[in-house]
Amino acid sequence: MSKMFSIEIGSSFLGRDPLAELVEEARRVGLKVIPWFEYGFVSSYNLNGGMLLQQ
């Protein structure tokens, strides 16, 4: 991750799957999880695609 985004992941999160943890807890209390990742991956026309497309 640090090569791609210049940010090192916190050691307490290594090897974890946050979505799987969320689904497990939601099921425990009878909730459904519908993941929606659209907004976080928006590119920018003004910045020639932005950082995500450049990477």
PDB file of N, CA and C in Angstrom:
ATOM      1  N   MET A   1       0.805  -1.197   0.000  1.00  0.00           N
ATOM      2  CA  MET A   1       0.000   0.000   0.000  1.00  0.00           C
ATOM      3  C   MET A   1       0.848   1.261   0.000  1.00  0.00           C
ATOM      4  N   SER A   2       1.946   1.281   0.738  1.00  0.00           N
ATOM      5  CA  SER A   2       2.730   2.511   0.827  1.00  0.00           C
ATOM      6  C   SER A   2       3.322   2.897  -0.531  1.00  0.00           C
ATOM      7  N   LYS A   3       3.623   1.937  -1.390  1.00  0.00           N
ATOM      8  CA  LYS A   3       4.150   2.256  -2.721  1.00  0.00           C
ATOM      9  C   LYS A   3       3.095   2.947  -3.569  1.00  0.00           C
ATOM     10  N   MET A   4       1.839   2.571  -3.373  1.00  0.00           N
ATOM     11  CA  MET A   4       0.769   3.097  -4.203  1.00  0.00           C
ATOM     12  C   MET A   4       0.231   4.433  -3.687  1.00  0.00           C
ATOM     13  N   PHE A   5       0.116   4.580  -2.370  1.00  0.00           N
ATOM     14  CA  PHE A   5      -0.524   5.758  -1.812  1.00  0.00           C
ATOM     15  C   PHE A   5       0.370   6.545  -0.855  1.00  0.00           C
ATOM     16  N   SER A   6       1.589   6.111  -0.636  1.00  0.00           N
ATOM     17  CA  SER A   6       2.534   6.767   0.278  1.00  0.00           C
ATOM     18  C   SER A   6       2.042   6.798   1.721  1.00  0.00           C
ATOM     19  N   ILE A   7       1.148   5.884   2.064  1.00  0.00           N
ATOM     20  CA  ILE A   7       0.635   5.793   3.431  1.00  0.00           C
ATOM     21  C   ILE A   7       0.735   4.341   3.871  1.00  0.00           C
ATOM     22  N   GLU A   8       1.389   4.110   4.977  1.00  0.00           N
ATOM     23  CA  GLU A   8       1.536   2.758   5.505  1.00  0.00           C
ATOM     24  C   GLU A   8       0.283   2.381   6.285  1.00  0.00           C
ATOM     25  N   ILE A   9      -0.193   1.141   6.126  1.00  0.00           N
ATOM     26  CA  ILE A   9      -1.362   0.678   6.860  1.00  0.00           C
ATOM     27  C   ILE A   9      -0.978   0.454   8.322  1.00  0.00           C
ATOM     28  N   GLY A  10      -1.903   0.779   9.211  1.00  0.00           N
ATOM     29  CA  GLY A  10      -1.661   0.570  10.641  1.00  0.00           C
ATOM     30  C   GLY A  10      -1.478  -0.905  10.939  1.00  0.00           C
ATOM     31  N   SER A  11      -0.529  -1.256  11.775  1.00  0.00           N
ATOM     32  CA  SER A  11      -0.213  -2.667  12.059  1.00  0.00           C
ATOM     33  C   SER A  11      -1.403  -3.415  12.650  1.00  0.00           C
ATOM     34  N   SER A  12      -2.302  -2.726  13.343  1.00  0.00           N
ATOM     35  CA  SER A  12      -3.464  -3.411  13.926  1.00  0.00           C
ATOM     36  C   SER A  12      -4.474  -3.836  12.854  1.00  0.00           C
ATOM     37  N   PHE A  13      -4.322  -3.338  11.615  1.00  0.00           N
ATOM     38  CA  PHE A  13      -5.244  -3.680  10.537  1.00  0.00           C
ATOM     39  C   PHE A  13      -4.671  -4.698   9.558  1.00  0.00           C
ATOM     40  N   LEU A  14      -3.409  -5.058   9.695  1.00  0.00           N
ATOM     41  CA  LEU A  14      -2.788  -6.016   8.777  1.00  0.00           C
ATOM     42  C   LEU A  14      -3.504  -7.364   8.847  1.00  0.00           C
ATOM     43  N   GLY A  15      -3.801  -7.928   7.697  1.00  0.00           N
ATOM     44  CA  GLY A  15      -4.414  -9.253   7.631  1.00  0.00           C
ATOM     45  C   GLY A  15      -5.906  -9.261   7.931  1.00  0.00           C
ATOM     46  N   ARG A  16      -6.520  -8.094   8.142  1.00  0.00           N
ATOM     47  CA  ARG A  16      -7.948  -8.043   8.447  1.00  0.00           C
ATOM     48  C   ARG A  16      -8.746  -7.725   7.191  1.00  0.00           C
ATOM     49  N   ASP A  17      -9.996  -8.115   7.196  1.00  0.00           N
ATOM     50  CA  ASP A  17     -10.916  -7.824   6.105  1.00  0.00           C
ATOM     51  C   ASP A  17     -12.090  -7.049   6.697  1.00  0.00           C
ATOM     52  N   PRO A  18     -12.045  -5.706   6.632  1.00  0.00           N
ATOM     53  CA  PRO A  18     -13.078  -4.899   7.278  1.00  0.00           C
ATOM     54  C   PRO A  18     -14.500  -5.194   6.786  1.00  0.00           C
ATOM     55  N   LEU A  19     -14.656  -5.460   5.487  1.00  0.00           N
ATOM     56  CA  LEU A  19     -15.985  -5.755   4.974  1.00  0.00           C
ATOM     57  C   LEU A  19     -16.511  -7.072   5.551  1.00  0.00           C
ATOM     58  N   ALA A  20     -15.673  -8.080   5.611  1.00  0.00           N
ATOM     59  CA  ALA A  20     -16.082  -9.369   6.188  1.00  0.00           C
ATOM     60  C   ALA A  20     -16.452  -9.206   7.655  1.00  0.00           C
ATOM     61  N   GLU A  21     -15.700  -8.389   8.385  1.00  0.00           N
ATOM     62  CA  GLU A  21     -16.010  -8.149   9.795  1.00  0.00           C
ATOM     63  C   GLU A  21     -17.360  -7.450   9.931  1.00  0.00           C
ATOM     64  N   LEU A  22     -17.623  -6.477   9.067  1.00  0.00           N
ATOM     65  CA  LEU A  22     -18.890  -5.756   9.093  1.00  0.00           C
ATOM     66  C   LEU A  22     -20.063  -6.693   8.799  1.00  0.00           C
ATOM     67  N   VAL A  23     -19.925  -7.532   7.768  1.00  0.00           N
ATOM     68  CA  VAL A  23     -20.980  -8.473   7.398  1.00  0.00           C
ATOM     69  C   VAL A  23     -21.254  -9.434   8.552  1.00  0.00           C
ATOM     70  N   GLU A  24     -20.216  -9.927   9.172  1.00  0.00           N
ATOM     71  CA  GLU A  24     -20.374 -10.862  10.284  1.00  0.00           C
ATOM     72  C   GLU A  24     -21.154 -10.229  11.440  1.00  0.00           C
ATOM     73  N   GLU A  25     -20.784  -9.012  11.803  1.00  0.00           N
ATOM     74  CA  GLU A  25     -21.482  -8.328  12.899  1.00  0.00           C
ATOM     75  C   GLU A  25     -22.916  -7.977  12.514  1.00  0.00           C
ATOM     76  N   ALA A  26     -23.130  -7.581  11.276  1.00  0.00           N
ATOM     77  CA  ALA A  26     -24.480  -7.246  10.826  1.00  0.00           C
ATOM     78  C   ALA A  26     -25.387  -8.473  10.872  1.00  0.00           C
ATOM     79  N   ARG A  27     -24.892  -9.591  10.395  1.00  0.00           N
ATOM     80  CA  ARG A  27     -25.686 -10.829  10.428  1.00  0.00           C
ATOM     81  C   ARG A  27     -26.033 -11.220  11.853  1.00  0.00           C
ATOM     82  N   ARG A  28     -25.115 -10.979  12.754  1.00  0.00           N
ATOM     83  CA  ARG A  28     -25.329 -11.331  14.165  1.00  0.00           C
ATOM     84  C   ARG A  28     -26.556 -10.629  14.726  1.00  0.00           C
ATOM     85  N   VAL A  29     -26.831  -9.416  14.256  1.00  0.00           N
ATOM     86  CA  VAL A  29     -27.979  -8.659  14.766  1.00  0.00           C
ATOM     87  C   VAL A  29     -29.113  -8.555  13.746  1.00  0.00           C
ATOM     88  N   GLY A  30     -29.056  -9.352  12.681  1.00  0.00           N
ATOM     89  CA  GLY A  30     -30.147  -9.420  11.717  1.00  0.00           C
ATOM     90  C   GLY A  30     -30.185  -8.314  10.680  1.00  0.00           C
ATOM     91  N   LEU A  31     -29.051  -7.718  10.365  1.00  0.00           N
ATOM     92  CA  LEU A  31     -28.993  -6.664   9.351  1.00  0.00           C
ATOM     93  C   LEU A  31     -28.365  -7.181   8.064  1.00  0.00           C
ATOM     94  N   LYS A  32     -28.737  -6.577   6.944  1.00  0.00           N
ATOM     95  CA  LYS A  32     -28.098  -6.867   5.663  1.00  0.00           C
ATOM     96  C   LYS A  32     -27.070  -5.777   5.393  1.00  0.00           C
ATOM     97  N   VAL A  33     -26.004  -6.137   4.720  1.00  0.00           N
ATOM     98  CA  VAL A  33     -24.985  -5.174   4.312  1.00  0.00           C
ATOM     99  C   VAL A  33     -24.978  -5.125   2.791  1.00  0.00           C
ATOM    100  N   ILE A  34     -25.114  -3.910   2.255  1.00  0.00           N
ATOM    101  CA  ILE A  34     -25.055  -3.717   0.808  1.00  0.00           C
ATOM    102  C   ILE A  34     -23.909  -2.743   0.548  1.00  0.00           C
ATOM    103  N   PRO A  35     -22.723  -3.250   0.242  1.00  0.00           N
ATOM    104  CA  PRO A  35     -21.572  -2.360   0.038  1.00  0.00           C
ATOM    105  C   PRO A  35     -21.732  -1.505  -1.217  1.00  0.00           C
ATOM    106  N   TRP A  36     -21.328  -0.259  -1.118  1.00  0.00           N
ATOM    107  CA  TRP A  36     -21.408   0.667  -2.250  1.00  0.00           C
ATOM    108  C   TRP A  36     -20.125   1.481  -2.230  1.00  0.00           C
ATOM    109  N   PHE A  37     -19.234   1.251  -3.168  1.00  0.00           N
ATOM    110  CA  PHE A  37     -17.916   1.863  -3.175  1.00  0.00           C
ATOM    111  C   PHE A  37     -17.753   2.954  -4.230  1.00  0.00           C
ATOM    112  N   GLU A  38     -18.813   3.406  -4.806  1.00  0.00           N
ATOM    113  CA  GLU A  38     -18.727   4.321  -5.944  1.00  0.00           C
ATOM    114  C   GLU A  38     -18.015   5.632  -5.616  1.00  0.00           C
ATOM    115  N   TYR A  39     -18.460   6.364  -4.620  1.00  0.00           N
ATOM    116  CA  TYR A  39     -17.985   7.726  -4.429  1.00  0.00           C
ATOM    117  C   TYR A  39     -16.490   7.813  -4.129  1.00  0.00           C
ATOM    118  N   GLY A  40     -15.950   6.900  -3.379  1.00  0.00           N
ATOM    119  CA  GLY A  40     -14.545   6.952  -3.018  1.00  0.00           C
ATOM    120  C   GLY A  40     -13.600   6.767  -4.187  1.00  0.00           C
ATOM    121  N   PHE A  41     -14.098   6.293  -5.317  1.00  0.00           N
ATOM    122  CA  PHE A  41     -13.250   6.031  -6.475  1.00  0.00           C
ATOM    123  C   PHE A  41     -13.562   6.957  -7.649  1.00  0.00           C
ATOM    124  N   VAL A  42     -14.133   8.113  -7.351  1.00  0.00           N
ATOM    125  CA  VAL A  42     -14.471   9.075  -8.396  1.00  0.00           C
ATOM    126  C   VAL A  42     -13.185   9.703  -8.930  1.00  0.00           C
ATOM    127  N   SER A  43     -13.101   9.836 -10.242  1.00  0.00           N
ATOM    128  CA  SER A  43     -11.942  10.505 -10.833  1.00  0.00           C
ATOM    129  C   SER A  43     -12.298  11.951 -11.151  1.00  0.00           C
ATOM    130  N   SER A  44     -11.317  12.733 -11.523  1.00  0.00           N
ATOM    131  CA  SER A  44     -11.521  14.151 -11.775  1.00  0.00           C
ATOM    132  C   SER A  44     -11.212  14.494 -13.226  1.00  0.00           C
ATOM    133  N   TYR A  45     -12.155  15.123 -13.915  1.00  0.00           N
ATOM    134  CA  TYR A  45     -11.905  15.590 -15.274  1.00  0.00           C
ATOM    135  C   TYR A  45     -10.946  16.772 -15.273  1.00  0.00           C
ATOM    136  N   ASN A  46     -11.012  17.592 -14.226  1.00  0.00           N
ATOM    137  CA  ASN A  46     -10.166  18.783 -14.154  1.00  0.00           C
ATOM    138  C   ASN A  46      -8.694  18.433 -13.933  1.00  0.00           C
ATOM    139  N   LEU A  47      -8.420  17.310 -13.307  1.00  0.00           N
ATOM    140  CA  LEU A  47      -7.033  16.937 -12.987  1.00  0.00           C
ATOM    141  C   LEU A  47      -6.558  15.769 -13.853  1.00  0.00           C
ATOM    142  N   ASN A  48      -7.073  15.681 -15.088  1.00  0.00           N
ATOM    143  CA  ASN A  48      -6.672  14.619 -16.007  1.00  0.00           C
ATOM    144  C   ASN A  48      -6.862  13.230 -15.402  1.00  0.00           C
ATOM    145  N   GLY A  49      -7.980  13.040 -14.719  1.00  0.00           N
ATOM    146  CA  GLY A  49      -8.282  11.746 -14.126  1.00  0.00           C
ATOM    147  C   GLY A  49      -7.983  11.670 -12.652  1.00  0.00           C
ATOM    148  N   GLY A  50      -7.155  12.546 -12.150  1.00  0.00           N
ATOM    149  CA  GLY A  50      -6.823  12.538 -10.728  1.00  0.00           C
ATOM    150  C   GLY A  50      -5.820  11.468 -10.350  1.00  0.00           C
ATOM    151  N   MET A  51      -5.483  11.428  -9.070  1.00  0.00           N
ATOM    152  CA  MET A  51      -4.463  10.534  -8.559  1.00  0.00           C
ATOM    153  C   MET A  51      -4.780   9.050  -8.810  1.00  0.00           C
ATOM    154  N   LEU A  52      -6.050   8.652  -8.633  1.00  0.00           N
ATOM    155  CA  LEU A  52      -6.374   7.224  -8.786  1.00  0.00           C
ATOM    156  C   LEU A  52      -6.093   6.713 -10.188  1.00  0.00           C
ATOM    157  N   LEU A  53      -6.479   7.462 -11.205  1.00  0.00           N
ATOM    158  CA  LEU A  53      -6.224   7.020 -12.569  1.00  0.00           C
ATOM    159  C   LEU A  53      -4.746   7.109 -12.931  1.00  0.00           C
ATOM    160  N   GLN A  54      -4.041   8.067 -12.378  1.00  0.00           N
ATOM    161  CA  GLN A  54      -2.612   8.165 -12.648  1.00  0.00           C
ATOM    162  C   GLN A  54      -1.853   6.989 -12.055  1.00  0.00           C
ATOM    163  N   GLN A  55      -2.281   6.507 -10.899  1.00  0.00           N
ATOM    164  CA  GLN A  55      -1.623   5.371 -10.261  1.00  0.00           C
ATOM    165  C   GLN A  55      -1.862   4.107 -11.063  1.00  0.00           C
TER     166      GLN A  55
END
